[in-house]
Amino acid sequence: MRIVVIVFLVLIVGSLASALVFLLRDRGSRERTARALALRVGLSLTLFLLLMAGYATGFITQRL
């Protein structure tokens, strides 16, 4: 599960970086920037739901 979380975090940061590149390159068109940011939001929500489902099913436990 740790690997999945790390992969999702890398994808989220990559999507955010690509949105920054699109914002700087495409001065008039904002379609690619909006699409990259929407992908980042989707990945973040998916990661959140996976973490909640993992905790609810007992796959992720709380360590003290």
C-alpha atoms as a PDB file:
ATOM      1  CA  MET A   1       0.000   0.000   0.000  1.00  0.00           C
ATOM      2  CA  ARG A   2       2.914   2.309   0.709  1.00  0.00           C
ATOM      3  CA  ILE A   3       4.104   1.995  -2.896  1.00  0.00           C
ATOM      4  CA  VAL A   4       0.633   2.872  -4.225  1.00  0.00           C
ATOM      5  CA  VAL A   5       0.518   6.025  -2.088  1.00  0.00           C
ATOM      6  CA  ILE A   6       3.996   7.069  -3.229  1.00  0.00           C
ATOM      7  CA  VAL A   7       3.084   6.495  -6.887  1.00  0.00           C
ATOM      8  CA  PHE A   8      -0.088   8.556  -6.499  1.00  0.00           C
ATOM      9  CA  LEU A   9       1.827  11.390  -4.814  1.00  0.00           C
ATOM     10  CA  VAL A  10       4.409  11.408  -7.614  1.00  0.00           C
ATOM     11  CA  LEU A  11       1.617  11.500 -10.214  1.00  0.00           C
ATOM     12  CA  ILE A  12      -0.109  14.356  -8.380  1.00  0.00           C
ATOM     13  CA  VAL A  13       3.090  16.424  -8.224  1.00  0.00           C
ATOM     14  CA  GLY A  14       3.816  15.605 -11.886  1.00  0.00           C
ATOM     15  CA  SER A  15       0.356  16.770 -12.913  1.00  0.00           C
ATOM     16  CA  LEU A  16       0.812  19.971 -10.938  1.00  0.00           C
ATOM     17  CA  ALA A  17       4.189  20.586 -12.592  1.00  0.00           C
ATOM     18  CA  SER A  18       2.745  19.977 -16.059  1.00  0.00           C
ATOM     19  CA  ALA A  19      -0.040  22.456 -15.302  1.00  0.00           C
ATOM     20  CA  LEU A  20       2.611  25.039 -14.408  1.00  0.00           C
ATOM     21  CA  VAL A  21       4.467  24.369 -17.662  1.00  0.00           C
ATOM     22  CA  PHE A  22       1.237  24.641 -19.670  1.00  0.00           C
ATOM     23  CA  LEU A  23       0.373  27.872 -17.864  1.00  0.00           C
ATOM     24  CA  LEU A  24       3.731  29.414 -18.748  1.00  0.00           C
ATOM     25  CA  ARG A  25       3.834  28.164 -22.359  1.00  0.00           C
ATOM     26  CA  ASP A  26       0.230  28.654 -23.489  1.00  0.00           C
ATOM     27  CA  ARG A  27      -0.360  32.304 -22.855  1.00  0.00           C
ATOM     28  CA  GLY A  28      -3.775  32.539 -24.547  1.00  0.00           C
ATOM     29  CA  SER A  29      -5.205  29.021 -24.221  1.00  0.00           C
ATOM     30  CA  ARG A  30      -5.988  27.647 -20.787  1.00  0.00           C
ATOM     31  CA  GLU A  31      -7.512  24.333 -21.845  1.00  0.00           C
ATOM     32  CA  ARG A  32      -4.425  22.190 -21.198  1.00  0.00           C
ATOM     33  CA  THR A  33      -3.794  23.868 -17.853  1.00  0.00           C
ATOM     34  CA  ALA A  34      -7.366  23.251 -16.738  1.00  0.00           C
ATOM     35  CA  ARG A  35      -7.179  19.624 -17.885  1.00  0.00           C
ATOM     36  CA  ALA A  36      -3.940  19.034 -15.960  1.00  0.00           C
ATOM     37  CA  LEU A  37      -5.379  20.611 -12.814  1.00  0.00           C
ATOM     38  CA  ALA A  38      -8.573  18.569 -13.171  1.00  0.00           C
ATOM     39  CA  LEU A  39      -6.428  15.432 -13.445  1.00  0.00           C
ATOM     40  CA  ARG A  40      -4.618  16.436 -10.255  1.00  0.00           C
ATOM     41  CA  VAL A  41      -7.901  16.865  -8.418  1.00  0.00           C
ATOM     42  CA  GLY A  42      -9.102  13.494  -9.688  1.00  0.00           C
ATOM     43  CA  LEU A  43      -5.910  11.774  -8.577  1.00  0.00           C
ATOM     44  CA  SER A  44      -6.108  13.435  -5.155  1.00  0.00           C
ATOM     45  CA  LEU A  45      -9.706  12.324  -4.663  1.00  0.00           C
ATOM     46  CA  THR A  46      -8.878   8.796  -5.792  1.00  0.00           C
ATOM     47  CA  LEU A  47      -5.976   8.617  -3.356  1.00  0.00           C
ATOM     48  CA  PHE A  48      -8.175   9.911  -0.541  1.00  0.00           C
ATOM     49  CA  LEU A  49     -10.884   7.341  -1.301  1.00  0.00           C
ATOM     50  CA  LEU A  50      -8.319   4.531  -1.488  1.00  0.00           C
ATOM     51  CA  LEU A  51      -6.892   5.536   1.884  1.00  0.00           C
ATOM     52  CA  MET A  52     -10.359   5.700   3.442  1.00  0.00           C
ATOM     53  CA  ALA A  53     -11.337   2.316   1.976  1.00  0.00           C
ATOM     54  CA  GLY A  54      -8.071   0.778   3.141  1.00  0.00           C
ATOM     55  CA  TYR A  55      -8.591   2.055   6.659  1.00  0.00           C
ATOM     56  CA  ALA A  56     -12.256   0.957   6.735  1.00  0.00           C
ATOM     57  CA  THR A  57     -11.404  -2.581   5.616  1.00  0.00           C
ATOM     58  CA  GLY A  58      -8.515  -2.913   8.034  1.00  0.00           C
ATOM     59  CA  PHE A  59      -5.858  -3.041   5.317  1.00  0.00           C
ATOM     60  CA  ILE A  60      -4.325   0.103   6.819  1.00  0.00           C
ATOM     61  CA  THR A  61      -3.945   0.102  10.572  1.00  0.00           C
ATOM     62  CA  GLN A  62      -3.114   2.864  12.989  1.00  0.00           C
ATOM     63  CA  ARG A  63       0.369   2.641  14.510  1.00  0.00           C
ATOM     64  CA  LEU A  64       1.271   4.089  17.864  1.00  0.00           C
END
